[in-house]
Amino acid sequence: MHIWFDSLAEPLDLEPQEGLALARWVGRSLRAEPGLPPASLLADRSPRLVFLSVSNGSQPARVALGRGLGILAAVDDALLRILEQPASPTPRWVRLDIAQTACPYEAGCAQGIAFDADSELALLPQEVTAGGLLDREGRLQPERIEECWRRRTGEPWAPGHMPRAPEFSFAIEGFFVEGDRVVPVVEGSRPVSAASPEDLLQAALWAGQYTLRALCEDGRFAYLYDPTRDRLEEGYNLVRHAGAAYVLCELAQETGHLRFRLAAEQAIGYLLQHMRPCRIAGRPGVAITDDGVLNLGGLALSLLALVHFERAGGGCGYRAIREQLTDSILLLQRADGSFVGKSGLEGDQLDSDSAFYPGEAMLALLRLHALAPDDRLLPAVRRGVDYLVGRQRDLPPEELLGNHWLLYCLDAFHRLQPRPEYLDHAMRLAWAMIGTQHRDPMHPGRFGGYGNCYTTTAAARNEGLAAAYRLARDYGRRDDAVGILVALRLGIDFQLRRQYRPEAAMYYPRPGRVLGGFLETPRNPLIRIDGPQHNISSFLALRRIWLPESGAGLDPVTGSPNLRVPGPAPRVPPADVGGGLRPPAP
């Protein structure tokens, strides 16, 4: 009997413990350790197809498709095929995936794909994503499919063997094995629901390790990494560089790990190499620039990084530079409270504004004032907040998005100078964000995401929702607090499902380089350096909400660390896993 996806009659009804025991037995079999499969599975005689994936942690997984009458026969077939493959890797990471249902191929679906039976080619969803087999429009890329076939078999396609269009889409039930530890795999990653404070800190540390590996010797970050090709794309952005330096300082404050503070200092050093004198409103100022443009966001995030670097125990050696950045930000504020977003170095204003820059600037001024009080700062923030709240008061919800930095600012400033309109506007911003959240359980891959379902979009909005929740909780808006917290938890779970853990990273050309980063969408696997930044900040923000009684995390006004939570330290992967990334040559 030739078993293929049209042979699948009914899903295998696995009890949770049966699936875990089966996967554990597979892992032991690959290590030549004694053991037996679950006896309850001996009675299964239906046609089955399974995928067995094995990686040593530094090379992409070798995948074997096993077939047989009964699940144990299919698993035996997959084991034999893996062991017969040349250069079979030492099994550090193992995945067992069982094909449960199949249907006619649907273009662009998030399931596995199978070609005709003669081709014997079927690909897991993670192989499709990791191999870049679909373009942004969901079209299959034949040359990349052939690369996947070469990795699978070690041979090129024979003449006339090239498969035709896919015939089947299929759903899988999977298990990831590392040693004797087994976890189920759903939608390509371990299932996440109601993450604990320890889960959030662990995820932040994994993302922090990715950021450390992306830091180059000269202090620049590997800015845009394509994990499907193991290569860096061209381009750089100093504003996002400053944001990555800031989040390293935030991790140093939160965890006390020296490695994050030292990396932040290295990144700050690169940033300050790009500080240039300029003219602002006819007066001397400074810019952080590599393209001859003064950018408010670059000044603001650079100042925020320097403030948090000192808070993290880095000393006050940047005080003079801090003052220059502050003076320049204040010069960029107009009389009505608005800010100039960009200008030339000689003071000529450019017609370009950002929804983010004013909030970034005001948050930096607030955090600086808490560290080094200055009579100029709170009035400047007051003018800026009043301008934005007044300007946005009558806007429809769809025009209130992208203001998570303003929510940070409202959270901190309302505690210093409370006004009802600040609290009301923060709630409007929060509910505008929540209105874009996907909550249809029929689309689990999008569930908890927002709008375009980009992971960085979700992370940024969850940062803002965490700030709005703190305000609602502390100032008597109970109904708002409940609704915001529900959205925040769903959004954070969405982010965690998108993080590259071993069960997803193992299919990429360099698994160790991908670990801890984030998949933006199944058709856009590129990792930009601000992706880990916003995910880290949102994870830590929810963790602080979960642990208010212990004072964990950073104070919203000062940005200073409170008492940390006692308990076992989370597991941190080594900084050199997979080697550091390097930027393209100039």
Protein backbone atom coordinates (compact mmCIF):
# COMPACT_ATOMS: atom_id res chain seq x y z
CA MET A 1 0.00 0.00 0.00
CA HIS A 2 1.47 3.35 -1.06
CA ILE A 3 0.70 5.73 1.79
CA TRP A 4 0.36 9.43 0.96
CA PHE A 5 -1.74 12.31 2.22
CA ASP A 6 -4.85 11.14 0.41
CA SER A 7 -4.56 7.97 2.52
CA LEU A 8 -5.17 9.76 5.82
CA ALA A 9 -8.58 8.60 6.93
CA GLU A 10 -8.88 9.88 10.49
CA PRO A 11 -6.67 11.74 12.95
CA LEU A 12 -4.72 9.77 15.52
CA ASP A 13 -6.47 10.24 18.87
CA LEU A 14 -3.52 10.74 21.20
CA GLU A 15 -3.91 11.22 24.91
CA PRO A 16 -1.53 13.98 26.10
CA GLN A 17 0.66 11.57 28.04
CA GLU A 18 0.75 9.11 25.11
CA GLY A 19 2.12 11.79 22.79
CA LEU A 20 4.77 12.89 25.29
CA ALA A 21 5.81 9.28 25.95
CA LEU A 22 6.02 8.51 22.22
CA ALA A 23 8.22 11.55 21.57
CA ARG A 24 10.43 10.73 24.56
CA TRP A 25 10.91 7.19 23.23
CA VAL A 26 11.90 8.58 19.82
CA GLY A 27 14.52 10.81 21.45
CA ARG A 28 15.95 7.89 23.40
CA SER A 29 16.00 5.70 20.30
CA LEU A 30 18.09 8.31 18.48
CA ARG A 31 20.53 8.27 21.39
CA ALA A 32 20.60 4.45 21.36
CA GLU A 33 19.14 4.31 24.86
CA PRO A 34 16.82 1.48 25.96
CA GLY A 35 13.08 2.04 26.09
CA LEU A 36 9.72 1.02 24.69
CA PRO A 37 6.97 3.01 22.96
CA PRO A 38 3.57 3.33 24.65
CA ALA A 39 1.88 -0.10 24.46
CA SER A 40 -1.49 1.58 23.92
CA LEU A 41 -0.39 2.62 20.41
CA LEU A 42 0.23 -0.95 19.22
CA ALA A 43 -3.41 -1.34 18.21
CA ASP A 44 -3.28 1.50 15.67
CA ARG A 45 -3.24 0.15 12.08
CA SER A 46 -4.43 3.17 10.10
CA PRO A 47 -2.23 4.75 7.40
CA ARG A 48 0.08 7.27 9.08
CA LEU A 49 2.69 9.82 8.02
CA VAL A 50 5.16 11.37 10.45
CA PHE A 51 8.05 13.79 10.19
CA LEU A 52 11.19 13.33 12.26
CA SER A 53 13.49 16.36 12.50
CA VAL A 54 16.92 16.26 14.14
CA SER A 55 19.41 19.09 14.70
CA ASN A 56 22.67 19.42 16.61
CA GLY A 57 21.81 23.05 17.46
CA SER A 58 24.25 24.65 15.05
CA GLN A 59 23.10 23.17 11.73
CA PRO A 60 19.63 23.07 10.17
CA ALA A 61 17.47 20.08 10.97
CA ARG A 62 17.62 16.94 8.87
CA VAL A 63 14.05 15.84 8.18
CA ALA A 64 12.75 12.38 7.35
CA LEU A 65 9.23 11.46 6.30
CA GLY A 66 8.08 8.11 7.70
CA ARG A 67 5.10 6.12 6.48
CA GLY A 68 3.38 2.99 7.71
CA LEU A 69 0.23 1.21 8.75
CA GLY A 70 -0.03 2.41 12.33
CA ILE A 71 1.78 5.18 14.12
CA LEU A 72 4.56 2.97 15.44
CA ALA A 73 5.31 1.61 11.95
CA ALA A 74 5.47 5.17 10.58
CA VAL A 75 7.78 6.26 13.40
CA ASP A 76 10.05 3.23 12.86
CA ASP A 77 10.25 4.13 9.16
CA ALA A 78 11.21 7.75 10.00
CA LEU A 79 13.85 6.60 12.49
CA LEU A 80 15.39 4.27 9.92
CA ARG A 81 15.47 7.03 7.28
CA ILE A 82 17.13 9.49 9.66
CA LEU A 83 19.78 7.00 10.73
CA GLU A 84 20.49 6.15 7.08
CA GLN A 85 21.09 9.76 6.12
CA PRO A 86 24.72 10.78 5.57
CA ALA A 87 26.26 12.87 8.34
CA SER A 88 23.28 12.29 10.59
CA PRO A 89 23.55 14.99 13.28
CA THR A 90 24.02 14.44 16.98
CA PRO A 91 20.43 14.71 18.25
CA ARG A 92 20.45 17.76 20.51
CA TRP A 93 17.00 18.91 19.32
CA VAL A 94 14.37 16.50 18.01
CA ARG A 95 10.87 17.08 16.71
CA LEU A 96 8.23 14.48 15.99
CA ASP A 97 5.29 15.74 13.91
CA ILE A 98 2.28 13.59 13.07
CA ALA A 99 0.24 14.46 9.98
CA GLN A 100 -3.33 14.43 11.27
CA THR A 101 -5.54 15.76 8.47
CA ALA A 102 -5.08 16.74 4.83
CA CYS A 103 -7.10 18.67 2.30
CA PRO A 104 -6.60 20.00 -1.24
CA TYR A 105 -3.79 22.55 -1.32
CA GLU A 106 -4.78 26.09 -0.38
CA ALA A 107 -2.33 28.75 -1.54
CA GLY A 108 -0.77 30.78 1.24
CA CYS A 109 -2.17 28.68 4.09
CA ALA A 110 -0.16 28.32 7.27
CA GLN A 111 -0.09 24.50 7.14
CA GLY A 112 2.34 22.00 5.67
CA ILE A 113 2.37 21.41 1.93
CA ALA A 114 2.68 18.15 0.00
CA PHE A 115 3.24 17.57 -3.72
CA ASP A 116 2.18 14.54 -5.73
CA ALA A 117 2.90 11.09 -4.34
CA ASP A 118 5.54 10.33 -6.99
CA SER A 119 7.66 13.28 -5.83
CA GLU A 120 7.66 12.02 -2.21
CA LEU A 121 8.06 15.68 -1.21
CA ALA A 122 6.14 17.07 1.75
CA LEU A 123 7.24 20.05 3.83
CA LEU A 124 6.43 21.06 7.37
CA PRO A 125 5.06 24.58 7.94
CA GLN A 126 8.34 25.52 9.65
CA GLU A 127 10.33 24.28 6.65
CA VAL A 128 8.20 26.49 4.41
CA THR A 129 8.86 29.54 6.60
CA ALA A 130 12.53 28.83 7.36
CA GLY A 131 13.30 28.12 3.72
CA GLY A 132 11.54 31.24 2.49
CA LEU A 133 9.49 29.02 0.18
CA LEU A 134 6.67 31.58 -0.09
CA ASP A 135 7.15 35.19 -1.16
CA ARG A 136 5.26 38.11 0.41
CA GLU A 137 2.26 37.38 -1.85
CA GLY A 138 2.18 33.70 -0.90
CA ARG A 139 3.62 32.41 -4.18
CA LEU A 140 5.86 29.34 -4.08
CA GLN A 141 9.54 29.85 -4.96
CA PRO A 142 10.68 26.79 -7.02
CA GLU A 143 14.42 27.43 -6.63
CA ARG A 144 14.08 27.48 -2.85
CA ILE A 145 11.99 24.31 -2.89
CA GLU A 146 14.85 22.61 -4.73
CA GLU A 147 17.29 23.84 -2.06
CA CYS A 148 15.03 22.27 0.57
CA TRP A 149 15.01 19.00 -1.40
CA ARG A 150 18.82 19.02 -1.57
CA ARG A 151 19.03 19.50 2.21
CA ARG A 152 16.49 16.70 2.70
CA THR A 153 18.13 14.13 0.39
CA GLY A 154 21.62 15.41 -0.34
CA GLU A 155 20.83 15.14 -4.07
CA PRO A 156 19.54 17.49 -6.80
CA TRP A 157 16.25 16.83 -8.50
CA ALA A 158 16.60 14.32 -11.28
CA PRO A 159 15.44 15.41 -14.76
CA GLY A 160 11.68 15.20 -14.91
CA HIS A 161 11.45 14.69 -11.15
CA MET A 162 10.62 18.30 -10.34
CA PRO A 163 7.22 18.17 -8.63
CA ARG A 164 4.21 19.88 -10.05
CA ALA A 165 2.10 22.32 -8.05
CA PRO A 166 1.33 21.25 -4.45
CA GLU A 167 -1.64 18.94 -4.11
CA PHE A 168 -2.26 18.91 -0.35
CA SER A 169 -2.22 21.10 2.72
CA PHE A 170 -1.93 19.20 5.98
CA ALA A 171 -2.21 19.86 9.70
CA ILE A 172 0.19 18.37 12.22
CA GLU A 173 0.41 17.52 15.89
CA GLY A 174 3.98 17.92 17.11
CA PHE A 175 6.35 17.35 20.01
CA PHE A 176 9.77 18.84 20.71
CA VAL A 177 12.39 16.79 22.53
CA GLU A 178 15.56 18.03 24.23
CA GLY A 179 17.14 15.30 26.33
CA ASP A 180 14.33 13.74 28.33
CA ARG A 181 12.33 16.97 28.30
CA VAL A 182 9.33 16.94 25.93
CA VAL A 183 6.91 19.76 25.14
CA PRO A 184 3.99 19.81 22.69
CA VAL A 185 4.27 22.02 19.61
CA VAL A 186 1.26 23.97 18.33
CA GLU A 187 1.42 26.29 15.30
CA GLY A 188 5.19 25.80 15.20
CA SER A 189 5.97 26.65 18.83
CA ARG A 190 5.23 25.42 22.32
CA PRO A 191 1.75 26.51 23.42
CA VAL A 192 1.54 29.67 25.48
CA SER A 193 -1.30 30.70 27.76
CA ALA A 194 -1.23 33.04 30.75
CA ALA A 195 2.56 33.29 30.85
CA SER A 196 4.03 33.46 34.35
CA PRO A 197 6.49 36.15 35.52
CA GLU A 198 9.26 33.57 35.16
CA ASP A 199 8.20 32.84 31.56
CA LEU A 200 8.28 36.54 30.73
CA LEU A 201 11.71 37.09 32.22
CA GLN A 202 13.01 34.00 30.44
CA ALA A 203 11.66 35.26 27.10
CA ALA A 204 13.19 38.70 27.71
CA LEU A 205 16.55 37.11 28.46
CA TRP A 206 16.43 35.01 25.29
CA ALA A 207 15.70 38.16 23.30
CA GLY A 208 18.46 39.94 25.19
CA GLN A 209 20.89 37.19 24.20
CA TYR A 210 19.91 37.68 20.56
CA THR A 211 20.66 41.41 20.96
CA LEU A 212 24.05 40.62 22.51
CA ARG A 213 24.94 38.32 19.62
CA ALA A 214 23.87 41.03 17.17
CA LEU A 215 26.30 43.54 18.72
CA CYS A 216 29.47 43.88 16.65
CA GLU A 217 32.93 44.76 17.88
CA ASP A 218 32.62 48.38 16.73
CA GLY A 219 29.39 48.86 18.72
CA ARG A 220 27.05 48.66 15.75
CA PHE A 221 24.20 46.13 15.66
CA ALA A 222 23.44 43.61 12.96
CA TYR A 223 20.47 45.72 11.97
CA LEU A 224 18.36 43.58 9.63
CA TYR A 225 18.98 39.83 9.53
CA ASP A 226 17.44 37.38 7.06
CA PRO A 227 17.45 34.03 8.87
CA THR A 228 16.27 32.15 5.77
CA ARG A 229 19.54 33.07 3.99
CA ASP A 230 21.77 33.64 7.04
CA ARG A 231 22.72 37.06 5.79
CA LEU A 232 22.42 40.70 6.75
CA GLU A 233 20.45 43.10 4.60
CA GLU A 234 21.77 46.57 3.90
CA GLY A 235 20.65 49.70 5.72
CA TYR A 236 20.96 51.17 9.19
CA ASN A 237 18.93 53.40 11.51
CA LEU A 238 20.52 55.20 14.44
CA VAL A 239 17.16 55.83 16.11
CA ARG A 240 16.55 52.09 16.36
CA HIS A 241 20.18 51.60 17.40
CA ALA A 242 19.54 53.97 20.30
CA GLY A 243 16.41 52.00 21.22
CA ALA A 244 18.39 48.76 21.33
CA ALA A 245 21.02 50.41 23.56
CA TYR A 246 18.24 51.62 25.86
CA VAL A 247 16.69 48.17 26.24
CA LEU A 248 20.08 46.66 27.12
CA CYS A 249 20.22 49.20 29.96
CA GLU A 250 16.68 48.21 30.96
CA LEU A 251 17.72 44.54 31.09
CA ALA A 252 20.78 45.45 33.13
CA GLN A 253 18.55 47.26 35.63
CA GLU A 254 16.00 44.48 35.78
CA THR A 255 18.39 41.55 36.11
CA GLY A 256 21.65 42.95 37.45
CA HIS A 257 23.58 41.08 34.73
CA LEU A 258 26.79 42.96 33.98
CA ARG A 259 26.95 41.64 30.40
CA PHE A 260 23.95 43.77 29.42
CA ARG A 261 25.42 46.96 30.88
CA LEU A 262 28.78 46.40 29.20
CA ALA A 263 27.05 45.76 25.87
CA ALA A 264 24.95 48.91 26.34
CA GLU A 265 28.10 50.95 26.92
CA GLN A 266 29.60 49.58 23.72
CA ALA A 267 26.45 50.46 21.77
CA ILE A 268 26.31 53.94 23.33
CA GLY A 269 29.93 54.50 22.31
CA TYR A 270 29.03 53.84 18.66
CA LEU A 271 26.02 56.11 18.96
CA LEU A 272 28.02 59.02 20.33
CA GLN A 273 30.54 58.74 17.51
CA HIS A 274 27.71 60.15 15.39
CA MET A 275 27.06 63.23 17.54
CA ARG A 276 27.50 66.35 15.41
CA PRO A 277 27.23 70.09 16.15
CA CYS A 278 24.28 71.83 14.53
CA ARG A 279 22.07 74.92 14.69
CA ILE A 280 18.58 74.79 16.19
CA ALA A 281 16.43 77.92 16.09
CA GLY A 282 19.59 79.92 15.52
CA ARG A 283 21.35 78.49 18.60
CA PRO A 284 24.06 75.83 18.90
CA GLY A 285 22.87 72.27 19.46
CA VAL A 286 23.83 68.68 18.71
CA ALA A 287 22.45 65.94 16.49
CA ILE A 288 22.86 62.16 16.45
CA THR A 289 23.12 61.57 12.74
CA ASP A 290 24.79 59.62 9.97
CA ASP A 291 22.93 61.33 7.13
CA GLY A 292 23.16 65.04 7.92
CA VAL A 293 19.66 65.23 9.42
CA LEU A 294 18.85 66.19 13.01
CA ASN A 295 16.30 63.67 14.27
CA LEU A 296 14.29 64.25 17.46
CA GLY A 297 13.85 60.51 17.96
CA GLY A 298 17.60 59.92 17.85
CA LEU A 299 18.20 62.60 20.49
CA ALA A 300 15.36 61.30 22.69
CA LEU A 301 16.29 57.61 22.70
CA SER A 302 19.98 58.45 23.09
CA LEU A 303 19.13 60.53 26.17
CA LEU A 304 16.89 57.76 27.49
CA ALA A 305 19.73 55.25 27.04
CA LEU A 306 22.18 57.49 28.93
CA VAL A 307 19.74 58.02 31.80
CA HIS A 308 19.11 54.30 32.17
CA PHE A 309 22.80 53.52 31.79
CA GLU A 310 23.49 55.61 34.89
CA ARG A 311 20.51 54.02 36.66
CA ALA A 312 22.00 50.61 35.86
CA GLY A 313 25.20 51.50 37.69
CA GLY A 314 27.19 52.77 34.72
CA GLY A 315 28.34 55.95 36.45
CA CYS A 316 27.85 59.59 35.53
CA GLY A 317 30.56 59.94 32.89
CA TYR A 318 28.03 60.99 30.25
CA ARG A 319 26.61 63.91 32.23
CA ALA A 320 27.94 66.63 29.92
CA ILE A 321 26.67 64.83 26.83
CA ARG A 322 23.33 64.33 28.54
CA GLU A 323 23.03 68.07 29.04
CA GLN A 324 23.79 68.75 25.38
CA LEU A 325 21.13 66.29 24.26
CA THR A 326 18.62 67.80 26.67
CA ASP A 327 19.29 71.36 25.52
CA SER A 328 18.81 70.31 21.91
CA ILE A 329 15.50 68.55 22.63
CA LEU A 330 14.20 71.65 24.40
CA LEU A 331 15.24 73.84 21.48
CA LEU A 332 13.23 71.61 19.15
CA GLN A 333 10.01 72.33 21.05
CA ARG A 334 7.82 75.03 19.54
CA ALA A 335 5.91 77.60 21.60
CA ASP A 336 2.63 75.65 21.28
CA GLY A 337 4.22 72.53 22.81
CA SER A 338 4.74 70.62 19.56
CA PHE A 339 8.17 69.42 18.48
CA VAL A 340 10.16 69.71 15.28
CA GLY A 341 10.66 66.09 14.19
CA LYS A 342 13.55 66.60 11.78
CA SER A 343 15.69 69.45 10.51
CA GLY A 344 18.91 70.04 8.66
CA LEU A 345 22.08 70.65 10.63
CA GLU A 346 21.90 74.35 9.78
CA GLY A 347 18.38 74.68 11.15
CA ASP A 348 16.28 74.29 8.00
CA GLN A 349 13.12 72.39 8.96
CA LEU A 350 12.16 69.29 7.01
CA ASP A 351 8.56 68.37 6.33
CA SER A 352 8.63 65.13 8.28
CA ASP A 353 7.07 64.26 11.64
CA SER A 354 6.63 61.03 13.56
CA ALA A 355 3.88 59.96 15.92
CA PHE A 356 6.57 58.42 18.12
CA TYR A 357 9.16 61.18 18.51
CA PRO A 358 7.28 63.61 20.84
CA GLY A 359 6.39 60.83 23.29
CA GLU A 360 9.98 59.55 23.21
CA ALA A 361 11.28 63.05 23.87
CA MET A 362 8.93 63.75 26.78
CA LEU A 363 9.56 60.36 28.40
CA ALA A 364 13.33 61.01 28.20
CA LEU A 365 12.83 64.42 29.86
CA LEU A 366 10.72 62.87 32.62
CA ARG A 367 13.23 60.13 33.35
CA LEU A 368 16.07 62.66 33.33
CA HIS A 369 14.19 64.95 35.72
CA ALA A 370 13.81 62.06 38.18
CA LEU A 371 17.57 61.45 37.99
CA ALA A 372 18.77 65.07 37.87
CA PRO A 373 15.95 67.58 38.60
CA ASP A 374 15.85 70.56 36.26
CA ASP A 375 13.22 73.35 36.46
CA ARG A 376 12.90 73.45 32.66
CA LEU A 377 11.82 69.87 32.13
CA LEU A 378 8.37 69.41 33.67
CA PRO A 379 6.96 72.63 32.09
CA ALA A 380 8.24 71.40 28.71
CA VAL A 381 6.56 68.03 29.22
CA ARG A 382 3.35 69.76 30.33
CA ARG A 383 3.25 71.85 27.15
CA GLY A 384 3.95 68.80 25.00
CA VAL A 385 1.31 66.64 26.67
CA ASP A 386 -1.31 69.40 26.53
CA TYR A 387 -0.62 69.94 22.84
CA LEU A 388 -0.97 66.26 21.93
CA VAL A 389 -4.02 65.62 24.11
CA GLY A 390 -5.74 68.68 22.72
CA ARG A 391 -4.86 67.87 19.13
CA GLN A 392 -5.95 64.23 19.40
CA ARG A 393 -9.11 64.78 21.43
CA ASP A 394 -11.49 64.66 18.46
CA LEU A 395 -9.64 62.16 16.28
CA PRO A 396 -11.37 58.87 15.40
CA PRO A 397 -9.91 55.70 16.96
CA GLU A 398 -8.12 54.61 13.77
CA GLU A 399 -6.02 57.78 13.91
CA LEU A 400 -4.96 57.27 17.54
CA LEU A 401 -2.71 54.26 16.90
CA GLY A 402 1.06 54.25 17.21
CA ASN A 403 1.21 56.25 20.45
CA HIS A 404 2.69 53.78 22.90
CA TRP A 405 5.42 56.26 23.80
CA LEU A 406 2.76 58.83 24.65
CA LEU A 407 1.10 56.28 26.94
CA TYR A 408 4.44 55.77 28.71
CA CYS A 409 4.60 59.53 29.14
CA LEU A 410 1.00 59.89 30.38
CA ASP A 411 1.56 57.12 32.92
CA ALA A 412 4.57 58.90 34.38
CA PHE A 413 3.39 62.52 34.08
CA HIS A 414 -0.14 61.96 35.46
CA ARG A 415 1.46 60.74 38.68
CA LEU A 416 3.32 64.03 39.01
CA GLN A 417 0.67 66.47 37.77
CA PRO A 418 -2.67 64.62 37.61
CA ARG A 419 -5.46 65.94 35.41
CA PRO A 420 -8.66 64.11 34.39
CA GLU A 421 -8.05 64.75 30.69
CA TYR A 422 -4.72 62.92 30.85
CA LEU A 423 -6.34 59.82 32.31
CA ASP A 424 -9.26 59.98 29.89
CA HIS A 425 -6.96 60.32 26.88
CA ALA A 426 -4.81 57.41 27.99
CA MET A 427 -7.93 55.24 28.10
CA ARG A 428 -8.97 56.42 24.60
CA LEU A 429 -5.54 55.51 23.24
CA ALA A 430 -5.68 52.11 24.91
CA TRP A 431 -9.13 51.22 23.59
CA ALA A 432 -8.18 52.37 20.10
CA MET A 433 -5.35 49.84 20.18
CA ILE A 434 -7.56 47.10 21.62
CA GLY A 435 -10.07 47.71 18.83
CA THR A 436 -7.54 46.34 16.32
CA GLN A 437 -6.81 43.11 18.22
CA HIS A 438 -7.68 39.79 16.53
CA ARG A 439 -9.79 37.51 18.72
CA ASP A 440 -11.30 35.02 16.28
CA PRO A 441 -10.38 31.52 17.57
CA MET A 442 -10.81 30.18 14.04
CA HIS A 443 -7.56 31.97 13.13
CA PRO A 444 -5.15 30.84 15.88
CA GLY A 445 -2.07 32.20 14.09
CA ARG A 446 -3.46 35.75 14.33
CA PHE A 447 -5.15 35.40 17.73
CA GLY A 448 -3.95 38.14 20.07
CA GLY A 449 -2.14 40.11 17.36
CA TYR A 450 -3.09 43.59 16.21
CA GLY A 451 -3.87 45.03 12.80
CA ASN A 452 -1.26 43.77 10.35
CA CYS A 453 -0.25 41.00 12.81
CA TYR A 454 3.39 42.04 12.83
CA THR A 455 5.07 40.94 16.03
CA THR A 456 6.80 44.28 16.61
CA THR A 457 3.45 46.07 16.22
CA ALA A 458 2.00 43.81 18.91
CA ALA A 459 4.96 44.40 21.21
CA ALA A 460 4.79 48.20 20.89
CA ARG A 461 1.05 48.27 21.51
CA ASN A 462 1.42 46.01 24.51
CA GLU A 463 4.03 48.38 25.93
CA GLY A 464 1.45 51.14 25.69
CA LEU A 465 -1.31 48.96 27.14
CA ALA A 466 0.86 48.11 30.14
CA ALA A 467 1.25 51.82 30.88
CA ALA A 468 -2.50 52.39 30.42
CA TYR A 469 -3.28 49.46 32.71
CA ARG A 470 -1.12 50.92 35.49
CA LEU A 471 -3.01 54.20 35.23
CA ALA A 472 -6.43 52.52 35.20
CA ARG A 473 -5.50 50.28 38.14
CA ASP A 474 -4.05 53.07 40.28
CA TYR A 475 -6.66 55.75 39.54
CA GLY A 476 -9.99 53.99 39.98
CA ARG A 477 -10.79 52.93 36.40
CA ARG A 478 -11.52 49.31 37.27
CA ASP A 479 -13.54 48.37 34.17
CA ASP A 480 -10.88 49.85 31.92
CA ALA A 481 -8.17 48.01 33.86
CA VAL A 482 -9.91 44.64 33.42
CA GLY A 483 -10.42 45.09 29.68
CA ILE A 484 -6.89 46.33 29.11
CA LEU A 485 -5.37 43.47 31.06
CA VAL A 486 -7.28 40.88 29.02
CA ALA A 487 -5.98 42.42 25.78
CA LEU A 488 -2.46 42.70 27.18
CA ARG A 489 -2.33 39.04 28.17
CA LEU A 490 -3.62 37.89 24.78
CA GLY A 491 -1.13 40.17 23.02
CA ILE A 492 1.83 38.96 25.06
CA ASP A 493 0.90 35.33 24.38
CA PHE A 494 0.85 36.17 20.65
CA GLN A 495 4.39 37.60 20.94
CA LEU A 496 5.68 34.56 22.81
CA ARG A 497 4.36 32.26 20.10
CA ARG A 498 6.36 34.25 17.56
CA GLN A 499 9.69 34.01 19.41
CA TYR A 500 12.32 31.79 17.82
CA ARG A 501 12.74 28.96 20.33
CA PRO A 502 14.68 25.79 19.43
CA GLU A 503 11.60 24.01 18.04
CA ALA A 504 11.32 26.69 15.33
CA ALA A 505 14.94 27.84 15.05
CA MET A 506 16.16 24.31 14.23
CA TYR A 507 14.92 24.57 10.62
CA TYR A 508 16.93 27.69 9.76
CA PRO A 509 20.41 27.64 8.16
CA ARG A 510 22.03 28.87 11.42
CA PRO A 511 19.75 27.96 14.33
CA GLY A 512 22.01 29.47 16.98
CA ARG A 513 21.88 32.89 15.34
CA VAL A 514 18.08 32.93 15.21
CA LEU A 515 17.41 31.91 18.82
CA GLY A 516 15.65 34.58 20.86
CA GLY A 517 14.65 36.71 17.88
CA PHE A 518 11.10 37.06 16.59
CA LEU A 519 9.26 36.05 13.47
CA GLU A 520 7.47 39.15 12.17
CA THR A 521 4.95 37.18 10.07
CA PRO A 522 5.11 33.73 8.44
CA ARG A 523 5.92 35.46 5.15
CA ASN A 524 8.33 37.98 6.63
CA PRO A 525 10.95 36.26 8.81
CA LEU A 526 13.39 39.23 8.82
CA ILE A 527 14.62 40.23 12.29
CA ARG A 528 15.17 43.97 12.67
CA ILE A 529 16.99 45.11 15.79
CA ASP A 530 13.99 47.02 17.18
CA GLY A 531 11.93 43.81 17.18
CA PRO A 532 13.73 42.30 20.19
CA GLN A 533 13.81 45.79 21.77
CA HIS A 534 10.03 46.23 21.90
CA ASN A 535 9.39 42.61 22.80
CA ILE A 536 11.78 42.81 25.74
CA SER A 537 10.19 46.02 27.02
CA SER A 538 6.67 44.60 26.79
CA PHE A 539 7.62 41.33 28.51
CA LEU A 540 9.23 43.21 31.38
CA ALA A 541 6.28 45.61 31.61
CA LEU A 542 3.77 42.77 32.08
CA ARG A 543 6.09 41.05 34.51
CA ARG A 544 6.12 44.18 36.69
CA ILE A 545 2.32 44.22 36.62
CA TRP A 546 2.21 40.56 37.73
CA LEU A 547 4.54 41.28 40.67
CA PRO A 548 3.41 44.60 42.20
CA GLU A 549 3.53 43.33 45.77
CA SER A 550 7.29 42.73 45.57
CA GLY A 551 8.12 46.03 43.89
CA ALA A 552 9.72 44.28 40.95
CA GLY A 553 10.79 46.25 37.92
CA LEU A 554 11.16 49.93 37.09
CA ASP A 555 9.21 52.80 38.60
CA PRO A 556 7.15 54.48 35.83
CA VAL A 557 8.23 57.97 36.89
CA THR A 558 11.88 57.53 37.71
CA GLY A 559 12.76 54.52 35.60
CA SER A 560 14.77 53.25 38.55
CA PRO A 561 14.79 49.61 39.67
CA ASN A 562 12.90 48.55 42.76
CA LEU A 563 13.54 45.38 44.74
CA ARG A 564 13.93 42.36 42.52
CA VAL A 565 11.92 39.21 43.00
CA PRO A 566 13.72 36.46 44.90
CA GLY A 567 13.79 33.00 43.43
CA PRO A 568 15.80 30.79 41.10
CA ALA A 569 17.58 32.53 38.26
CA PRO A 570 16.07 31.80 34.84
CA ARG A 571 18.07 29.78 32.36
CA VAL A 572 20.12 32.03 30.08
CA PRO A 573 21.57 30.59 26.88
CA PRO A 574 25.28 31.29 26.35
CA ALA A 575 26.04 34.54 24.55
CA ASP A 576 28.12 32.82 21.88
CA VAL A 577 25.50 30.31 20.68
CA GLY A 578 25.69 30.30 16.91
CA GLY A 579 28.36 32.99 16.79
CA GLY A 580 27.90 36.73 16.54
CA LEU A 581 26.39 38.45 13.55
CA ARG A 582 28.53 40.74 11.47
CA PRO A 583 27.43 43.66 9.34
CA PRO A 584 28.11 43.77 5.62
CA ALA A 585 31.40 45.37 4.68
CA PRO A 586 31.17 49.13 4.07
